[in-house]
Protein backbone atom coordinates (compact mmCIF):
# COMPACT_ATOMS: atom_id res chain seq x y z
CA UNK A 1 -162.01 97.02 -28.65
CA UNK A 2 -165.00 96.02 -26.56
CA UNK A 3 -166.61 92.72 -27.37
CA UNK A 4 -170.01 93.69 -25.98
CA UNK A 5 -173.07 91.79 -27.06
CA UNK A 6 -176.62 92.83 -26.14
CA UNK A 7 -178.57 90.47 -23.94
CA UNK A 8 -181.79 89.26 -25.52
CA UNK A 9 -183.71 86.05 -25.87
CA UNK A 10 -181.76 85.24 -29.04
CA UNK A 11 -178.52 85.17 -27.03
CA UNK A 12 -179.50 82.10 -25.07
CA UNK A 13 -179.61 78.65 -26.56
CA UNK A 14 -183.00 77.97 -28.09
CA UNK A 15 -185.07 75.45 -26.19
CA UNK A 16 -188.60 74.26 -25.65
CA UNK A 17 -189.15 76.51 -22.66
CA UNK A 18 -190.17 80.12 -23.46
CA UNK A 19 -188.19 82.94 -21.87
CA UNK A 20 -189.28 86.02 -19.96
CA UNK A 21 -188.44 89.06 -22.10
CA UNK A 22 -187.29 91.02 -19.05
CA UNK A 23 -185.04 88.65 -17.13
CA UNK A 24 -184.35 86.26 -20.05
CA UNK A 25 -185.02 83.28 -17.81
CA UNK A 26 -187.43 80.46 -18.61
CA UNK A 27 -190.86 81.67 -17.53
CA UNK A 28 -191.02 78.83 -15.01
CA UNK A 29 -188.09 80.45 -13.17
CA UNK A 30 -189.07 84.10 -13.59
CA UNK A 31 -189.39 86.12 -10.38
CA UNK A 32 -189.78 89.52 -12.05
CA UNK A 33 -193.14 90.09 -10.41
CA UNK A 34 -191.42 90.26 -7.04
CA UNK A 35 -188.33 92.31 -7.99
CA UNK A 36 -188.18 95.32 -5.69
CA UNK A 37 -186.27 98.41 -6.77
CA UNK A 38 -183.42 99.27 -4.41
CA UNK A 39 -182.20 102.83 -4.00
CA UNK A 40 -178.46 102.68 -3.37
CA UNK A 41 -175.76 105.35 -3.41
CA UNK A 42 -173.15 102.88 -4.72
CA UNK A 43 -173.10 102.29 -8.47
CA UNK A 44 -173.01 98.74 -9.82
CA UNK A 45 -171.31 97.39 -12.93
CA UNK A 46 -171.54 93.68 -13.75
CA UNK A 47 -169.18 92.30 -16.40
CA UNK A 48 -170.35 88.92 -17.61
CA UNK A 49 -168.15 86.47 -19.47
CA UNK A 50 -169.82 85.51 -22.80
CA UNK A 51 -169.85 81.83 -21.84
CA UNK A 52 -171.58 82.48 -18.51
CA UNK A 53 -175.08 83.28 -19.77
CA UNK A 54 -176.73 80.60 -17.66
CA UNK A 55 -180.42 81.11 -18.35
CA UNK A 56 -181.52 78.86 -15.51
CA UNK A 57 -179.23 79.47 -12.53
CA UNK A 58 -177.39 82.68 -13.46
CA UNK A 59 -178.08 85.72 -11.26
CA UNK A 60 -176.36 88.64 -13.02
CA UNK A 61 -179.43 90.00 -14.79
CA UNK A 62 -181.66 89.39 -11.76
CA UNK A 63 -179.19 91.41 -9.67
CA UNK A 64 -179.15 94.29 -12.16
CA UNK A 65 -182.96 94.43 -12.33
CA UNK A 66 -183.06 95.53 -8.69
CA UNK A 67 -181.21 98.79 -9.43
CA UNK A 68 -182.35 101.55 -11.78
CA UNK A 69 -178.84 102.52 -12.84
CA UNK A 70 -177.04 99.15 -12.69
CA UNK A 71 -175.09 98.27 -15.85
CA UNK A 72 -174.68 94.71 -17.14
CA UNK A 73 -172.24 94.13 -19.99
CA UNK A 74 -171.39 90.88 -21.75
CA UNK A 75 -167.91 90.65 -23.22
CA UNK A 76 -164.25 89.93 -22.63
CA UNK A 77 -162.49 93.29 -22.61
CA UNK A 78 -163.09 97.03 -22.56
CA UNK A 79 -160.56 99.88 -22.99
CA UNK A 80 -161.41 101.48 -19.66
CA UNK A 81 -163.85 101.58 -16.79
CA UNK A 82 -165.60 104.52 -18.42
CA UNK A 83 -166.10 102.57 -21.66
CA UNK A 84 -167.44 99.55 -19.81
CA UNK A 85 -169.78 101.67 -17.69
CA UNK A 86 -170.94 103.89 -20.53
CA UNK A 87 -170.18 107.14 -18.74
CA UNK A 88 -167.10 109.01 -17.61
CA UNK A 89 -165.45 107.95 -14.36
CA UNK A 90 -163.19 110.68 -12.98
CA UNK A 91 -161.43 108.56 -10.36
CA UNK A 92 -161.29 104.76 -10.96
CA UNK A 93 -159.56 104.31 -7.58
CA UNK A 94 -162.92 104.99 -5.97
CA UNK A 95 -164.34 101.91 -7.67
CA UNK A 96 -163.91 98.48 -6.15
CA UNK A 97 -163.40 95.32 -8.21
CA UNK A 98 -164.38 92.10 -6.50
CA UNK A 99 -161.81 89.52 -7.56
CA UNK A 100 -160.80 86.73 -5.21
CA UNK A 101 -158.09 85.06 -7.31
CA UNK A 102 -155.82 83.16 -4.95
CA UNK A 103 -156.50 85.52 -2.02
CA UNK A 104 -158.51 84.32 0.97
CA UNK A 105 -159.80 86.39 3.84
CA UNK A 106 -159.22 83.47 6.22
CA UNK A 107 -155.49 83.66 5.45
CA UNK A 108 -155.29 87.37 6.29
CA UNK A 109 -154.96 88.97 9.68
CA UNK A 110 -158.39 90.58 9.74
CA UNK A 111 -161.87 89.92 11.03
CA UNK A 112 -163.55 91.97 8.30
CA UNK A 113 -165.97 90.38 5.86
CA UNK A 114 -165.09 92.89 3.11
CA UNK A 115 -161.36 93.43 2.74
CA UNK A 116 -159.47 95.86 0.52
CA UNK A 117 -156.14 94.39 -0.64
CA UNK A 118 -153.20 95.70 -2.62
CA UNK A 119 -151.51 94.25 -5.71
CA UNK A 120 -149.49 91.87 -3.54
CA UNK A 121 -152.62 90.48 -1.95
CA UNK A 122 -151.89 92.18 1.36
CA UNK A 123 -154.44 93.97 3.53
CA UNK A 124 -154.55 97.67 2.81
CA UNK A 125 -154.07 100.09 5.69
CA UNK A 126 -157.00 102.33 6.63
CA UNK A 127 -159.68 99.81 5.65
CA UNK A 128 -162.55 101.91 6.92
CA UNK A 129 -161.48 105.03 5.02
CA UNK A 130 -160.94 103.11 1.78
CA UNK A 131 -164.26 101.28 1.87
CA UNK A 132 -166.25 104.34 2.90
CA UNK A 133 -164.86 106.19 -0.12
CA UNK A 134 -166.02 103.58 -2.64
CA UNK A 135 -168.51 105.01 -5.13
CA UNK A 136 -168.97 102.00 -7.39
CA UNK A 137 -168.53 98.23 -7.55
CA UNK A 138 -167.43 96.02 -10.45
CA UNK A 139 -168.56 92.40 -10.24
CA UNK A 140 -167.12 89.71 -12.53
CA UNK A 141 -169.82 87.21 -13.48
CA UNK A 142 -168.55 83.80 -14.50
CA UNK A 143 -166.82 80.66 -13.34
CA UNK A 144 -163.51 80.85 -11.52
CA UNK A 145 -161.52 80.64 -14.77
CA UNK A 146 -163.86 83.04 -16.58
CA UNK A 147 -163.49 85.66 -13.83
CA UNK A 148 -159.73 85.25 -14.07
CA UNK A 149 -159.89 85.84 -17.83
CA UNK A 150 -161.88 89.04 -17.31
CA UNK A 151 -159.40 90.24 -14.68
CA UNK A 152 -156.34 89.69 -16.87
CA UNK A 153 -157.91 91.04 -20.06
CA UNK A 154 -158.82 94.39 -18.50
CA UNK A 155 -155.67 96.09 -17.24
CA UNK A 156 -157.65 99.15 -16.15
CA UNK A 157 -158.91 97.13 -13.18
CA UNK A 158 -155.51 97.64 -11.58
CA UNK A 159 -156.44 101.31 -11.21
CA UNK A 160 -159.43 100.30 -9.12
CA UNK A 161 -159.42 99.08 -5.54
CA UNK A 162 -159.39 95.29 -5.38
CA UNK A 163 -161.57 93.77 -2.68
CA UNK A 164 -162.29 90.22 -1.52
CA UNK A 165 -165.06 88.75 0.60
CA UNK A 166 -165.10 86.41 3.57
CA UNK A 167 -168.71 85.15 3.75
CA UNK A 168 -169.86 83.56 6.97
CA UNK A 169 -171.74 80.82 5.14
CA UNK A 170 -171.46 78.94 1.87
CA UNK A 171 -173.43 79.88 -1.23
CA UNK A 172 -177.15 79.22 -1.24
CA UNK A 173 -176.67 77.38 -4.52
CA UNK A 174 -175.82 74.32 -2.47
CA UNK A 175 -175.62 71.24 -4.66
CA UNK A 176 -177.34 72.97 -7.59
CA UNK A 177 -174.14 74.68 -8.65
CA UNK A 178 -170.86 73.63 -7.12
CA UNK A 179 -168.39 76.35 -6.14
CA UNK A 180 -164.65 75.50 -6.21
CA UNK A 181 -164.09 77.29 -2.90
CA UNK A 182 -166.14 77.75 0.24
CA UNK A 183 -166.04 81.53 -0.19
CA UNK A 184 -167.37 81.36 -3.75
CA UNK A 185 -170.73 83.14 -4.07
CA UNK A 186 -173.40 83.74 -6.66
CA UNK A 187 -173.22 87.21 -8.22
CA UNK A 188 -176.39 88.26 -6.43
CA UNK A 189 -175.00 87.06 -3.10
CA UNK A 190 -171.76 88.97 -3.64
CA UNK A 191 -173.68 92.13 -4.56
CA UNK A 192 -175.88 91.73 -1.49
CA UNK A 193 -172.94 91.30 0.84
CA UNK A 194 -170.90 94.14 -0.60
CA UNK A 195 -173.63 96.75 -0.93
CA UNK A 196 -175.12 95.97 2.48
CA UNK A 197 -171.68 96.15 4.07
CA UNK A 198 -170.51 99.32 2.33
CA UNK A 199 -173.75 101.19 2.94
CA UNK A 200 -174.52 99.64 6.35
CA UNK A 201 -177.93 98.59 5.06
CA UNK A 202 -179.02 95.04 5.86
CA UNK A 203 -182.24 95.70 3.95
CA UNK A 204 -180.30 95.56 0.66
CA UNK A 205 -178.99 92.12 1.47
CA UNK A 206 -182.41 90.92 2.60
CA UNK A 207 -184.07 92.10 -0.62
CA UNK A 208 -181.52 90.58 -2.98
CA UNK A 209 -181.32 87.28 -1.14
CA UNK A 210 -185.10 87.01 -1.06
CA UNK A 211 -185.13 87.16 -4.87
CA UNK A 212 -182.37 84.58 -5.04
CA UNK A 213 -184.23 82.23 -2.71
CA UNK A 214 -187.39 82.57 -4.79
CA UNK A 215 -185.48 81.77 -7.96
CA UNK A 216 -183.87 78.70 -6.40
CA UNK A 217 -187.19 77.49 -5.04
CA UNK A 218 -188.76 77.76 -8.49
CA UNK A 219 -185.82 75.92 -10.01
CA UNK A 220 -186.13 73.03 -7.57
CA UNK A 221 -189.84 72.78 -8.28
CA UNK A 222 -189.30 72.84 -12.04
CA UNK A 223 -186.56 70.21 -11.94
CA UNK A 224 -189.12 67.46 -11.45
CA UNK A 225 -191.31 68.24 -14.46
CA UNK A 226 -188.88 70.17 -16.70
CA UNK A 227 -185.56 68.31 -16.91
CA UNK A 228 -184.57 70.46 -19.89
CA UNK A 229 -183.81 73.25 -17.42
CA UNK A 230 -180.97 71.29 -15.84
CA UNK A 231 -177.54 72.70 -16.75
CA UNK A 232 -175.85 70.62 -19.41
CA UNK A 233 -172.30 69.43 -18.75
CA UNK A 234 -169.78 71.40 -20.75
CA UNK A 235 -167.76 69.34 -23.24
CA UNK A 236 -164.09 69.02 -22.46
CA UNK A 237 -161.77 70.85 -24.80
CA UNK A 238 -158.59 69.20 -25.98
CA UNK A 239 -155.80 71.74 -25.52
CA UNK A 240 -153.08 69.35 -26.65
CA UNK A 241 -151.26 70.47 -29.72
CA UNK A 242 -151.93 68.39 -32.75
CA UNK A 243 -148.95 66.70 -34.21
CA UNK A 244 -147.93 68.00 -37.54
CA UNK A 245 -148.28 65.51 -40.35
């Protein structure tokens, strides 16, 4: 059963900073006035882990706002791609799921930035034909471990085409949000890279990254006067089994 939960201002932790009703970010970080609608042929589905609703630095909702038909769902599992998307998908194999896992483009014999791989993590043959046939993209929004949880909880993703990315530069987050690997990207950066590459449209990447840069600039400005916007460290969980009395 799907564990969807609607995104609204009540979903984020209450604070002293009011939120924008559209992007759910603190108004000091809102860039909605500059969000430009992008017409793309490739559909976009963003699955967000429930614990990854970062109201300050998260980019999932900002990404979705750029596309009229983009779908953003919060949850852990869905019965199928169709259920997650909210409409029937006739051929899931024509949808790509971006999941890096342990795979790295640098370790593969390819110079492509977007690489389709099989279940063994090997480069698929006929890369151009596979990527040109993609009609939709599934992005997993969350930390490394959260993305892994989404991947393993949704077996239907194995029916889709798995892809990985080999970005030429590190995430624009910089020191604001540390990525565990050099090829780790913000959701909006991954969407920009994939959609621009699949559709051969650098304008898509330019538009999305411009929004991201504006958001980061506002965050850096607000850090000085609004320390409450800084991400709070997550408490460590003790997974050790308690001894029985």
